[in-house]
Amino acid sequence: MSVDSHYDAIVVGSGFGGSVTAYRLAEAGRRVLVLERGRPYPPGSFTRSPCRARESFWDPPRGLVGMYHYWSFRGIDALVSAGLGGGSLIYANVFIRKDEKWFVREDVDHGGYEYWPVTRAELDAHYDRVERMIGLQRFPVEHEPYASTPKTVAFKEAVSALGLEHFHPELAVTFANPGRPPVPGEAIVEKIPNLHGRTRTTCQMSGECDVGCNFGAKNTLDYNYLTHAGHHGAEIRTLCDVRRLEPREGGGYAVHYADLGAGAPEAPPTEALTCDHLILSAGTLGTTNLLLRNRSAFARVSHKLGTRFCGNGDLLTLVLDTHEDREGSGRAPRVVDPGYGPVITTTARIPDALDGGHGRGFYLQDAGYPQHLAWVLQVLSAPRQMWRWRKDAAYLVKNWLRGSPDTDVTGHIADLLLPSELSAGGLPLLSMGRDIPDGRMYLRRGRLDIDWRTQTSREYFERVRSVSRDVARVLGGRFADNPLWLLSRVITVHPLGGAPMGRHPGEGVVDAYGNVFGYPGLHVADGSVMPGPTGPNPSFTIAALADRFADHIIEPDRRATEAAAG
């Protein structure tokens, strides 16, 4: 065995679990290697042109190593990310701690669905640590231009009218440098240079959070945890797709990965490495898939592998054609402009039966989309726009044909670009919450599959749709389901479960510290360890758990080192 190919710890994946773990272990002096299947994305590298859109998707055999990896299962689709920084590249920046009473402890042997072996109190110190490292800021509604952001104003008006608790959550976005007021487009001051060596600027309200922020305003993991991990000596390799794992005689693990940056896409060369600690942080789908595919090498893994899957209650609904009553002019179209501002600025909380409400609780958020998508929607509404254009267009044509002396036709041309109800009057609503984690992940004909249906959580989803419909009514718009719902399907951007925590192997795959039962030195730190939905956006809880898990890896190693030193 070459010393160069052996590490104290190998971390598979660079999302919220992997980045946090890599930094903590490197900071503690361990020799750490991060293997990320995707590529790095410095500012300005996210594709925008149609001719390069295909490059944004993930399918290595076809030579595609982009960040969007779309899975389609029976009853549910899932969108996850590949790239240095994992899901932080495409998520909507929201950090909300899991509700204290939502750490449920049900009897899973007698009709219950989830048992959380950790508590909010045990995680709070780790939440605090992650918050400081990420550099969270709230949407600065006390300043312009942020205070008058149309979608923020509209959402707050609607949920206030419905009597719902709402707030501006902490976001992983830099709106202002320390000690300075928020200014769009100002150069961000960093304590140490980011690993890309590029200049970042503060949020420019472009709505591009979910398609990759080309300004670097998002505090994605490559700008904080991974930069600091590298600063402490961690080695980071990209385009390394881990395929095979196995325990080593005498302890530790062997890791085999395909080098996607070398050779033909269909048959990339493979390399093998060894480590004392192996941390699987490839995400819910990636980690569970890896463990299922390598199960013959890990015969003692709990039979709970693949269980407790859920989509964290994700449901996208739409409010279209919003209107408002204007004094003196009656009912008029309302401009919501969902492409202006970060993707999410405001959150409403709908309580659970566990904390004073009824049914299963959820969070409702003002979603958005990139400004360039608004132009696409403007074009899609062209047939309706043509009818509105008839007066100005006819004037211009007559003016040209008759040689009219009216040479200044700027106003008429501007009127042709009046916003459409589709591009300006719509508001996507993103909901997430406590759906039922009764899904099962398994291999079917060698491919990952999931048995999950909306029926079990139907009551939850109908409650989400009902509240969303109320928001549409208050905004004078019409409610619309996303097309997948009409097929009894949902799409999740927060898949959870598959290697759930438990008190013993009969209840979970890992213990309350992320250690895989029966395999010392094998750990899981990502969304797959969730025994049920987090409720709010899961990234904060995944990162906090990873920080807790890292403590548990570091402390025994530190004690052993001190004992050996006498």
Protein backbone atom coordinates (compact mmCIF):
# COMPACT_ATOMS: atom_id res chain seq x y z
CA MET A 1 0.00 0.00 0.00
CA SER A 2 1.36 3.41 -0.98
CA VAL A 3 1.35 6.01 1.79
CA ASP A 4 0.30 8.57 -0.83
CA SER A 5 -2.86 6.60 -1.57
CA HIS A 6 -3.86 6.17 2.08
CA TYR A 7 -5.79 8.84 3.99
CA ASP A 8 -7.01 9.27 7.51
CA ALA A 9 -10.42 10.04 6.01
CA ILE A 10 -12.00 9.95 2.58
CA VAL A 11 -15.19 11.95 2.14
CA VAL A 12 -17.40 10.95 -0.78
CA GLY A 13 -19.37 13.98 -1.89
CA SER A 14 -19.07 17.71 -1.18
CA GLY A 15 -22.61 18.70 -0.21
CA PHE A 16 -23.75 19.88 3.20
CA GLY A 17 -22.67 16.67 4.92
CA GLY A 18 -19.38 16.14 3.11
CA SER A 19 -18.12 19.72 3.16
CA VAL A 20 -18.77 20.17 6.86
CA THR A 21 -17.13 16.85 7.74
CA ALA A 22 -14.11 17.48 5.51
CA TYR A 23 -13.48 20.87 7.08
CA ARG A 24 -13.86 19.67 10.67
CA LEU A 25 -11.53 16.70 10.15
CA ALA A 26 -8.93 18.76 8.25
CA GLU A 27 -9.05 21.45 10.92
CA ALA A 28 -8.32 18.73 13.48
CA GLY A 29 -5.16 17.78 11.60
CA ARG A 30 -6.37 14.69 9.75
CA ARG A 31 -5.21 13.86 6.24
CA VAL A 32 -8.46 14.27 4.33
CA LEU A 33 -9.45 13.63 0.74
CA VAL A 34 -12.75 14.82 -0.78
CA LEU A 35 -13.96 12.93 -3.85
CA GLU A 36 -16.60 14.87 -5.78
CA ARG A 37 -18.19 13.38 -8.89
CA GLY A 38 -19.03 16.78 -10.43
CA ARG A 39 -16.89 19.68 -11.55
CA PRO A 40 -16.10 23.03 -9.91
CA TYR A 41 -18.21 26.09 -10.71
CA PRO A 42 -16.38 29.39 -10.21
CA PRO A 43 -18.30 32.66 -10.71
CA GLY A 44 -19.34 33.12 -14.32
CA SER A 45 -19.20 29.41 -15.23
CA PHE A 46 -22.91 28.52 -15.06
CA THR A 47 -24.34 28.16 -18.55
CA ARG A 48 -27.05 30.54 -19.74
CA SER A 49 -27.24 30.23 -23.53
CA PRO A 50 -29.64 27.71 -25.12
CA CYS A 51 -26.85 26.19 -27.20
CA ARG A 52 -25.06 25.13 -24.01
CA ALA A 53 -28.07 24.22 -21.87
CA ARG A 54 -27.50 20.51 -22.44
CA GLU A 55 -24.13 20.81 -20.69
CA SER A 56 -25.93 21.51 -17.41
CA PHE A 57 -27.15 17.92 -17.06
CA TRP A 58 -25.53 14.82 -15.59
CA ASP A 59 -25.08 11.69 -17.71
CA PRO A 60 -21.37 10.70 -17.79
CA PRO A 61 -21.72 7.90 -20.41
CA ARG A 62 -22.93 10.59 -22.80
CA GLY A 63 -20.12 12.90 -21.82
CA LEU A 64 -22.41 15.12 -19.73
CA VAL A 65 -21.03 16.16 -16.35
CA GLY A 66 -23.31 19.09 -15.55
CA MET A 67 -24.89 19.84 -12.18
CA TYR A 68 -28.52 18.75 -12.74
CA HIS A 69 -29.20 15.07 -12.04
CA TYR A 70 -32.87 14.24 -12.56
CA TRP A 71 -34.32 10.94 -11.32
CA SER A 72 -37.79 9.64 -12.15
CA PHE A 73 -39.32 6.96 -9.94
CA ARG A 74 -42.82 5.59 -9.50
CA GLY A 75 -44.85 8.31 -7.81
CA ILE A 76 -42.03 10.79 -7.34
CA ASP A 77 -39.29 12.55 -9.29
CA ALA A 78 -36.16 13.98 -7.69
CA LEU A 79 -33.76 16.71 -8.76
CA VAL A 80 -30.31 16.67 -7.14
CA SER A 81 -26.98 18.28 -7.90
CA ALA A 82 -23.52 17.16 -9.00
CA GLY A 83 -20.68 19.62 -8.58
CA LEU A 84 -18.19 20.99 -6.09
CA GLY A 85 -20.50 22.19 -3.34
CA GLY A 86 -23.22 19.62 -4.00
CA GLY A 87 -26.78 20.77 -3.48
CA SER A 88 -25.66 24.23 -2.38
CA LEU A 89 -25.12 25.05 -6.06
CA ILE A 90 -28.83 24.83 -6.90
CA TYR A 91 -30.74 25.20 -3.63
CA ALA A 92 -32.66 28.34 -2.62
CA ASN A 93 -30.32 29.40 0.23
CA VAL A 94 -32.81 28.96 3.11
CA PHE A 95 -31.60 28.02 6.61
CA ILE A 96 -34.31 27.16 9.15
CA ARG A 97 -33.75 24.95 12.19
CA LYS A 98 -35.92 21.88 12.54
CA ASP A 99 -38.81 22.59 14.89
CA GLU A 100 -38.18 21.28 18.40
CA LYS A 101 -41.45 19.35 18.57
CA TRP A 102 -40.94 17.86 15.11
CA PHE A 103 -38.13 15.63 16.38
CA VAL A 104 -40.84 13.01 16.79
CA ARG A 105 -40.34 9.72 18.58
CA GLU A 106 -42.97 7.33 17.32
CA ASP A 107 -43.09 3.62 18.02
CA VAL A 108 -41.98 2.41 14.60
CA ASP A 109 -42.71 -1.20 15.50
CA HIS A 110 -46.39 -0.49 16.13
CA GLY A 111 -47.67 1.83 13.42
CA GLY A 112 -45.27 4.76 13.77
CA TYR A 113 -43.18 6.09 10.92
CA GLU A 114 -40.15 7.81 12.44
CA TYR A 115 -38.02 7.96 15.56
CA TRP A 116 -35.40 10.71 15.94
CA PRO A 117 -32.55 9.61 18.24
CA VAL A 118 -31.35 13.23 18.53
CA THR A 119 -33.09 16.31 19.91
CA ARG A 120 -33.16 19.97 19.00
CA ALA A 121 -31.27 20.78 22.20
CA GLU A 122 -28.46 18.43 21.17
CA LEU A 123 -28.23 20.08 17.75
CA ASP A 124 -28.49 23.76 18.68
CA ALA A 125 -24.76 24.23 19.31
CA HIS A 126 -24.04 22.67 15.94
CA TYR A 127 -26.64 24.86 14.24
CA ASP A 128 -24.84 27.84 15.79
CA ARG A 129 -21.47 26.69 14.49
CA VAL A 130 -22.79 26.17 10.95
CA GLU A 131 -24.51 29.56 10.98
CA ARG A 132 -21.23 31.32 11.76
CA MET A 133 -19.31 29.40 9.10
CA ILE A 134 -21.81 29.86 6.25
CA GLY A 135 -22.29 33.59 6.92
CA LEU A 136 -26.07 33.85 6.93
CA GLN A 137 -27.97 37.09 6.32
CA ARG A 138 -31.67 37.93 6.22
CA PHE A 139 -33.27 39.58 3.22
CA PRO A 140 -32.73 43.28 4.07
CA VAL A 141 -36.31 44.52 3.76
CA GLU A 142 -35.48 47.64 5.76
CA HIS A 143 -33.49 48.97 2.80
CA GLU A 144 -34.29 49.76 -0.82
CA PRO A 145 -34.43 48.23 -3.39
CA TYR A 146 -35.16 45.18 -1.26
CA ALA A 147 -38.12 46.66 0.68
CA SER A 148 -40.24 47.07 -2.44
CA THR A 149 -39.52 43.65 -3.98
CA PRO A 150 -42.95 42.89 -5.53
CA LYS A 151 -43.13 39.15 -4.79
CA THR A 152 -42.05 39.70 -1.17
CA VAL A 153 -44.70 42.36 -0.66
CA ALA A 154 -47.39 40.23 -2.32
CA PHE A 155 -46.58 37.07 -0.36
CA LYS A 156 -46.50 38.91 2.97
CA GLU A 157 -49.83 40.59 2.23
CA ALA A 158 -51.43 37.26 1.37
CA VAL A 159 -50.21 35.25 4.35
CA SER A 160 -50.94 38.14 6.73
CA ALA A 161 -54.52 38.26 5.45
CA LEU A 162 -54.77 34.54 6.18
CA GLY A 163 -53.46 34.99 9.72
CA LEU A 164 -50.35 32.88 9.12
CA GLU A 165 -47.10 33.33 11.02
CA HIS A 166 -44.42 34.53 8.62
CA PHE A 167 -40.82 35.72 8.72
CA HIS A 168 -37.73 36.36 6.62
CA PRO A 169 -35.51 33.31 7.10
CA GLU A 170 -31.74 33.44 7.22
CA LEU A 171 -30.26 33.00 3.76
CA ALA A 172 -26.86 31.86 2.56
CA VAL A 173 -26.59 35.01 0.47
CA THR A 174 -24.29 38.00 0.88
CA PHE A 175 -26.33 41.19 0.60
CA ALA A 176 -23.83 43.37 2.47
CA ASN A 177 -20.25 43.37 3.63
CA PRO A 178 -19.68 43.55 7.41
CA GLY A 179 -20.35 47.03 8.77
CA ARG A 180 -21.74 48.32 5.45
CA PRO A 181 -25.29 48.78 4.18
CA PRO A 182 -26.51 46.31 1.54
CA VAL A 183 -25.54 47.32 -2.00
CA PRO A 184 -26.19 45.16 -5.08
CA GLY A 185 -23.03 44.29 -6.99
CA GLU A 186 -20.41 45.34 -4.43
CA ALA A 187 -17.23 43.24 -4.23
CA ILE A 188 -17.44 40.78 -1.31
CA VAL A 189 -14.69 40.98 1.30
CA GLU A 190 -13.43 37.49 2.24
CA LYS A 191 -11.29 36.50 5.23
CA ILE A 192 -9.26 34.13 3.07
CA PRO A 193 -9.36 33.90 -0.74
CA ASN A 194 -11.93 31.41 -2.01
CA LEU A 195 -10.62 28.22 -3.61
CA HIS A 196 -11.54 29.48 -7.09
CA GLY A 197 -9.43 32.63 -6.68
CA ARG A 198 -12.26 34.71 -8.14
CA THR A 199 -13.92 37.96 -7.05
CA ARG A 200 -17.49 37.65 -5.81
CA THR A 201 -20.13 40.38 -5.64
CA THR A 202 -23.16 40.95 -3.42
CA CYS A 203 -26.65 39.83 -4.51
CA GLN A 204 -27.85 41.50 -7.69
CA MET A 205 -31.45 40.30 -7.36
CA SER A 206 -31.30 38.29 -10.59
CA GLY A 207 -33.33 35.33 -9.33
CA GLU A 208 -30.65 32.89 -10.50
CA CYS A 209 -30.12 31.06 -7.20
CA ASP A 210 -31.43 27.72 -8.49
CA VAL A 211 -29.51 27.79 -11.77
CA GLY A 212 -26.16 28.75 -10.25
CA CYS A 213 -25.19 32.24 -9.13
CA ASN A 214 -22.69 33.63 -11.63
CA PHE A 215 -21.97 36.57 -9.32
CA GLY A 216 -20.85 34.40 -6.40
CA ALA A 217 -23.36 36.12 -4.11
CA LYS A 218 -24.62 32.75 -2.87
CA ASN A 219 -22.52 31.49 0.01
CA THR A 220 -22.23 28.05 -1.56
CA LEU A 221 -20.05 25.48 0.18
CA ASP A 222 -17.09 26.01 -2.13
CA TYR A 223 -16.77 29.56 -0.73
CA ASN A 224 -16.75 28.59 2.94
CA TYR A 225 -16.40 25.01 4.20
CA LEU A 226 -14.48 23.68 1.20
CA THR A 227 -12.25 26.75 0.98
CA HIS A 228 -11.39 26.42 4.67
CA ALA A 229 -10.94 22.66 4.37
CA GLY A 230 -8.40 23.26 1.61
CA HIS A 231 -6.76 25.95 3.73
CA HIS A 232 -6.24 23.29 6.42
CA GLY A 233 -4.70 20.84 3.97
CA ALA A 234 -7.63 18.80 2.70
CA GLU A 235 -7.16 17.49 -0.83
CA ILE A 236 -10.14 17.98 -3.14
CA ARG A 237 -10.56 16.00 -6.34
CA THR A 238 -13.38 16.64 -8.79
CA LEU A 239 -14.87 14.46 -11.56
CA CYS A 240 -14.23 11.43 -9.34
CA ASP A 241 -17.26 9.14 -9.42
CA VAL A 242 -17.02 6.54 -6.65
CA ARG A 243 -18.23 3.15 -7.86
CA ARG A 244 -17.01 0.48 -5.42
CA LEU A 245 -16.37 0.24 -1.66
CA GLU A 246 -15.08 -2.58 0.52
CA PRO A 247 -13.73 -3.17 4.04
CA ARG A 248 -10.01 -3.93 4.34
CA GLU A 249 -8.53 -6.75 6.37
CA GLY A 250 -7.19 -5.27 9.55
CA GLY A 251 -9.47 -2.23 9.42
CA GLY A 252 -10.25 0.68 7.19
CA TYR A 253 -11.77 0.75 3.74
CA ALA A 254 -10.87 0.69 0.06
CA VAL A 255 -12.50 3.15 -2.33
CA HIS A 256 -12.55 2.71 -6.11
CA TYR A 257 -13.54 5.62 -8.31
CA ALA A 258 -13.83 6.40 -12.01
CA ASP A 259 -11.83 9.39 -13.22
CA LEU A 260 -14.39 11.16 -15.39
CA GLY A 261 -11.84 13.73 -16.46
CA ALA A 262 -9.69 11.19 -18.28
CA GLY A 263 -10.37 8.66 -21.01
CA ALA A 264 -13.53 7.88 -22.94
CA PRO A 265 -16.87 8.72 -21.24
CA GLU A 266 -18.10 5.11 -21.64
CA ALA A 267 -15.05 3.56 -19.97
CA PRO A 268 -13.16 6.05 -17.78
CA PRO A 269 -10.05 4.80 -15.96
CA THR A 270 -10.45 3.77 -12.32
CA GLU A 271 -8.26 4.36 -9.30
CA ALA A 272 -8.17 2.78 -5.83
CA LEU A 273 -7.45 4.44 -2.49
CA THR A 274 -7.59 3.40 1.15
CA CYS A 275 -8.57 5.14 4.38
CA ASP A 276 -9.17 4.63 8.08
CA HIS A 277 -12.47 6.56 8.08
CA LEU A 278 -14.83 6.52 5.12
CA ILE A 279 -17.58 9.15 5.17
CA LEU A 280 -20.38 8.70 2.65
CA SER A 281 -21.91 12.06 1.82
CA ALA A 282 -23.14 11.49 -1.71
CA GLY A 283 -26.70 12.56 -0.88
CA THR A 284 -29.79 10.50 -0.19
CA LEU A 285 -29.88 8.91 -3.64
CA GLY A 286 -26.11 8.65 -4.11
CA THR A 287 -25.22 7.18 -0.72
CA THR A 288 -28.10 4.70 -0.61
CA ASN A 289 -27.34 3.64 -4.18
CA LEU A 290 -23.68 3.08 -3.30
CA LEU A 291 -24.52 0.97 -0.25
CA LEU A 292 -27.10 -1.08 -2.14
CA ARG A 293 -24.70 -1.72 -5.04
CA ASN A 294 -21.91 -2.75 -2.66
CA ARG A 295 -24.07 -4.71 -0.25
CA SER A 296 -22.22 -7.97 -0.95
CA ALA A 297 -19.12 -6.37 0.59
CA PHE A 298 -21.10 -5.08 3.59
CA ALA A 299 -23.19 -8.08 4.56
CA ARG A 300 -23.75 -6.85 8.13
CA VAL A 301 -25.44 -3.58 7.11
CA SER A 302 -28.88 -3.29 8.71
CA HIS A 303 -31.87 -4.57 6.78
CA LYS A 304 -33.27 -1.05 7.24
CA LEU A 305 -31.07 0.08 4.35
CA GLY A 306 -33.33 1.79 1.83
CA THR A 307 -36.15 2.56 4.27
CA ARG A 308 -37.76 5.76 5.58
CA PHE A 309 -37.57 7.55 2.24
CA CYS A 310 -39.60 10.74 1.82
CA GLY A 311 -39.53 13.94 -0.24
CA ASN A 312 -39.71 16.26 2.79
CA GLY A 313 -43.26 17.16 1.78
CA ASP A 314 -42.12 19.12 -1.28
CA LEU A 315 -44.95 20.43 -3.43
CA LEU A 316 -44.79 23.20 -6.01
CA THR A 317 -48.02 25.08 -6.73
CA LEU A 318 -48.69 28.22 -8.76
CA VAL A 319 -50.64 31.45 -8.44
CA LEU A 320 -51.39 32.91 -11.89
CA ASP A 321 -52.88 36.16 -13.21
CA THR A 322 -52.82 38.08 -9.92
CA HIS A 323 -54.94 41.23 -9.65
CA GLU A 324 -55.44 44.02 -7.14
CA ASP A 325 -58.00 46.71 -6.45
CA ARG A 326 -56.66 50.17 -7.22
CA GLU A 327 -58.38 53.26 -5.89
CA GLY A 328 -60.11 55.09 -8.68
CA SER A 329 -59.31 52.54 -11.38
CA GLY A 330 -60.95 49.37 -10.11
CA ARG A 331 -59.48 45.90 -10.53
CA ALA A 332 -56.16 45.80 -12.38
CA PRO A 333 -53.39 43.25 -13.06
CA ARG A 334 -50.82 43.03 -10.28
CA VAL A 335 -47.11 42.90 -11.04
CA VAL A 336 -45.48 40.27 -8.82
CA ASP A 337 -42.31 39.83 -10.91
CA PRO A 338 -41.15 36.53 -9.34
CA GLY A 339 -37.84 36.73 -11.23
CA TYR A 340 -36.67 39.74 -9.21
CA GLY A 341 -34.83 39.02 -5.96
CA PRO A 342 -33.42 35.83 -4.48
CA VAL A 343 -35.54 32.75 -5.16
CA ILE A 344 -37.00 32.75 -1.63
CA THR A 345 -37.29 35.77 0.64
CA THR A 346 -40.19 34.99 2.98
CA THR A 347 -41.60 31.96 4.75
CA ALA A 348 -44.96 31.21 6.35
CA ARG A 349 -45.25 28.45 8.93
CA ILE A 350 -48.40 26.34 9.13
CA PRO A 351 -48.45 24.56 12.53
CA ASP A 352 -48.65 20.85 13.20
CA ALA A 353 -50.86 18.85 15.54
CA LEU A 354 -47.68 18.49 17.61
CA ASP A 355 -47.54 22.24 18.28
CA GLY A 356 -51.06 23.60 18.39
CA GLY A 357 -52.27 23.07 14.84
CA HIS A 358 -53.91 20.11 13.20
CA GLY A 359 -52.68 17.49 10.76
CA ARG A 360 -49.06 17.51 9.61
CA GLY A 361 -47.38 20.91 9.51
CA PHE A 362 -45.48 22.57 6.70
CA TYR A 363 -43.71 25.72 5.51
CA LEU A 364 -44.87 27.83 2.56
CA GLN A 365 -42.37 30.03 0.70
CA ASP A 366 -42.41 32.61 -2.08
CA ALA A 367 -40.55 30.82 -4.83
CA GLY A 368 -39.14 32.50 -7.92
CA TYR A 369 -37.18 31.88 -11.07
CA PRO A 370 -34.39 33.51 -13.10
CA GLN A 371 -35.13 36.72 -14.93
CA HIS A 372 -34.25 35.13 -18.25
CA LEU A 373 -37.07 32.60 -17.71
CA ALA A 374 -39.49 35.53 -17.49
CA TRP A 375 -38.64 36.32 -21.12
CA VAL A 376 -39.52 32.75 -22.06
CA LEU A 377 -42.88 33.12 -20.31
CA GLN A 378 -43.42 36.44 -22.07
CA VAL A 379 -42.98 34.68 -25.43
CA LEU A 380 -45.27 31.82 -24.40
CA SER A 381 -48.03 34.33 -23.77
CA ALA A 382 -47.61 35.80 -27.27
CA PRO A 383 -51.06 34.76 -28.60
CA ARG A 384 -52.77 36.66 -25.80
CA GLN A 385 -50.32 39.54 -26.13
CA MET A 386 -51.06 39.82 -29.86
CA TRP A 387 -54.61 40.84 -29.06
CA ARG A 388 -53.33 43.52 -26.70
CA TRP A 389 -50.81 44.68 -29.30
CA ARG A 390 -53.37 45.22 -32.07
CA LYS A 391 -53.79 48.96 -31.40
CA ASP A 392 -50.11 49.92 -31.16
CA ALA A 393 -48.99 47.52 -33.87
CA ALA A 394 -51.67 48.83 -36.23
CA TYR A 395 -50.60 52.41 -35.54
CA LEU A 396 -46.97 51.60 -36.35
CA VAL A 397 -47.86 49.79 -39.59
CA LYS A 398 -50.11 52.65 -40.74
CA ASN A 399 -47.43 55.15 -39.78
CA TRP A 400 -44.85 53.34 -41.89
CA LEU A 401 -47.15 52.86 -44.89
CA ARG A 402 -48.44 56.43 -44.95
CA GLY A 403 -45.14 58.13 -44.21
CA SER A 404 -46.71 59.95 -41.23
CA PRO A 405 -44.81 62.91 -39.77
CA ASP A 406 -45.01 61.20 -36.36
CA THR A 407 -41.39 60.05 -36.33
CA ASP A 408 -41.09 59.55 -32.56
CA VAL A 409 -42.85 56.23 -32.00
CA THR A 410 -40.88 55.19 -28.91
CA GLY A 411 -43.94 55.09 -26.66
CA HIS A 412 -45.82 52.79 -29.00
CA ILE A 413 -42.88 50.40 -29.19
CA ALA A 414 -42.55 50.44 -25.41
CA ASP A 415 -46.23 49.54 -25.07
CA LEU A 416 -45.60 46.40 -27.11
CA LEU A 417 -43.42 45.21 -24.21
CA LEU A 418 -46.00 45.65 -21.49
CA PRO A 419 -45.58 42.70 -19.09
CA SER A 420 -47.83 39.71 -19.57
CA GLU A 421 -49.85 38.14 -16.79
CA LEU A 422 -47.80 34.96 -17.22
CA SER A 423 -44.38 36.56 -16.82
CA ALA A 424 -45.23 39.30 -14.30
CA GLY A 425 -48.43 38.26 -12.56
CA GLY A 426 -47.53 34.78 -11.37
CA LEU A 427 -46.08 33.55 -8.10
CA PRO A 428 -44.73 30.01 -7.62
CA LEU A 429 -45.26 28.67 -4.10
CA LEU A 430 -42.89 26.11 -2.64
CA SER A 431 -44.15 24.00 0.26
CA MET A 432 -42.28 21.49 2.36
CA GLY A 433 -43.13 19.74 5.59
CA ARG A 434 -44.03 16.54 7.36
CA ASP A 435 -45.03 14.03 4.72
CA ILE A 436 -44.93 10.37 5.71
CA PRO A 437 -41.54 8.63 5.35
CA ASP A 438 -42.83 5.26 4.20
CA GLY A 439 -40.85 4.94 0.96
CA ARG A 440 -38.49 2.07 0.18
CA MET A 441 -35.34 2.35 -1.95
CA TYR A 442 -33.96 -0.74 -3.66
CA LEU A 443 -32.25 -1.98 -6.81
CA ARG A 444 -34.43 -3.13 -9.70
CA ARG A 445 -32.57 -4.71 -12.60
CA GLY A 446 -29.41 -3.12 -11.30
CA ARG A 447 -30.87 0.38 -11.12
CA LEU A 448 -31.97 2.43 -8.14
CA ASP A 449 -35.73 2.50 -7.69
CA ILE A 450 -38.11 3.85 -5.06
CA ASP A 451 -41.50 2.58 -3.97
CA TRP A 452 -43.28 5.71 -2.74
CA ARG A 453 -46.78 7.01 -3.42
CA THR A 454 -48.63 10.24 -2.70
CA GLN A 455 -51.63 8.34 -1.35
CA THR A 456 -50.27 7.81 2.17
CA SER A 457 -49.53 11.52 2.50
CA ARG A 458 -52.63 12.63 0.61
CA GLU A 459 -54.18 14.43 3.56
CA TYR A 460 -50.95 16.41 4.03
CA PHE A 461 -50.74 17.40 0.36
CA GLU A 462 -54.41 18.40 0.22
CA ARG A 463 -53.81 20.70 3.18
CA VAL A 464 -50.87 22.29 1.34
CA ARG A 465 -53.02 22.78 -1.78
CA SER A 466 -55.82 24.29 0.27
CA VAL A 467 -53.59 26.94 1.85
CA SER A 468 -51.96 27.67 -1.52
CA ARG A 469 -55.41 28.11 -3.03
CA ASP A 470 -56.23 30.61 -0.27
CA VAL A 471 -53.09 32.59 -1.11
CA ALA A 472 -54.18 32.70 -4.75
CA ARG A 473 -57.62 33.97 -3.74
CA VAL A 474 -56.20 36.78 -1.59
CA LEU A 475 -53.91 37.86 -4.44
CA GLY A 476 -56.82 37.95 -6.85
CA GLY A 477 -55.27 35.21 -8.97
CA ARG A 478 -56.09 31.67 -9.89
CA PHE A 479 -54.60 28.58 -8.32
CA ALA A 480 -52.85 26.00 -10.50
CA ASP A 481 -51.24 22.68 -9.69
CA ASN A 482 -47.96 21.83 -11.29
CA PRO A 483 -48.58 19.34 -14.13
CA LEU A 484 -47.03 16.38 -12.27
CA TRP A 485 -49.70 16.54 -9.57
CA LEU A 486 -52.34 15.83 -12.19
CA LEU A 487 -50.55 12.50 -12.74
CA SER A 488 -50.55 11.74 -8.97
CA ARG A 489 -46.84 12.49 -8.87
CA VAL A 490 -44.67 15.05 -7.09
CA ILE A 491 -41.13 16.27 -7.59
CA THR A 492 -38.78 16.69 -4.66
CA VAL A 493 -35.59 18.69 -4.40
CA HIS A 494 -35.13 17.38 -0.86
CA PRO A 495 -35.05 13.57 -0.99
CA LEU A 496 -34.38 12.16 2.50
CA GLY A 497 -33.86 8.74 4.10
CA GLY A 498 -32.44 5.46 2.91
CA ALA A 499 -29.76 5.07 5.60
CA PRO A 500 -31.77 6.34 8.58
CA MET A 501 -30.54 6.93 12.10
CA GLY A 502 -31.76 4.53 14.75
CA ARG A 503 -31.05 3.35 18.28
CA HIS A 504 -30.00 -0.11 17.07
CA PRO A 505 -29.60 -2.03 13.77
CA GLY A 506 -33.22 -3.15 13.95
CA GLU A 507 -34.30 0.48 13.71
CA GLY A 508 -31.70 2.17 11.51
CA VAL A 509 -28.55 1.90 9.41
CA VAL A 510 -26.49 4.40 11.45
CA ASP A 511 -26.50 5.43 15.09
CA ALA A 512 -27.17 8.92 16.42
CA TYR A 513 -23.59 9.91 15.47
CA GLY A 514 -23.66 8.70 11.87
CA ASN A 515 -21.68 5.51 12.50
CA VAL A 516 -22.82 2.55 10.39
CA PHE A 517 -23.82 -0.27 12.72
CA GLY A 518 -21.35 -3.15 12.50
CA TYR A 519 -18.64 -1.26 10.58
CA PRO A 520 -16.24 0.85 12.70
CA GLY A 521 -14.86 3.76 10.71
CA LEU A 522 -17.72 3.78 8.19
CA HIS A 523 -19.93 6.85 8.51
CA VAL A 524 -22.83 8.49 6.68
CA ALA A 525 -23.31 12.26 6.77
CA ASP A 526 -26.01 13.53 4.42
CA GLY A 527 -29.77 13.56 3.97
CA SER A 528 -29.99 9.79 3.86
CA VAL A 529 -29.59 9.58 7.66
CA MET A 530 -32.89 11.37 8.28
CA PRO A 531 -35.43 8.99 9.84
CA GLY A 532 -38.18 11.26 8.57
CA PRO A 533 -38.79 14.71 7.08
CA THR A 534 -37.04 17.71 8.60
CA GLY A 535 -40.06 19.90 7.81
CA PRO A 536 -38.28 23.11 6.79
CA ASN A 537 -35.51 23.19 4.18
CA PRO A 538 -33.18 20.31 5.21
CA SER A 539 -29.73 21.79 4.46
CA PHE A 540 -29.27 23.38 7.90
CA THR A 541 -30.15 20.18 9.74
CA ILE A 542 -27.93 18.06 7.47
CA ALA A 543 -24.99 20.40 8.12
CA ALA A 544 -25.64 20.50 11.88
CA LEU A 545 -25.80 16.70 12.09
CA ALA A 546 -22.56 16.43 10.08
CA ASP A 547 -20.89 18.81 12.53
CA ARG A 548 -22.09 16.64 15.42
CA PHE A 549 -20.88 13.49 13.65
CA ALA A 550 -17.45 15.06 13.06
CA ASP A 551 -17.09 15.75 16.79
CA HIS A 552 -17.66 12.07 17.45
CA ILE A 553 -14.99 11.04 14.94
CA ILE A 554 -12.43 13.55 16.17
CA GLU A 555 -12.76 13.02 19.91
CA PRO A 556 -11.94 9.27 20.13
CA ASP A 557 -9.07 9.75 17.67
CA ARG A 558 -7.73 12.63 19.75
CA ARG A 559 -7.89 10.59 22.95
CA ALA A 560 -6.11 7.68 21.27
CA THR A 561 -3.35 9.97 19.98
CA GLU A 562 -2.87 11.52 23.43
CA ALA A 563 -2.73 8.07 25.03
CA ALA A 564 -0.11 6.87 22.52
CA ALA A 565 1.99 9.96 23.22
CA GLY A 566 1.96 9.13 26.90
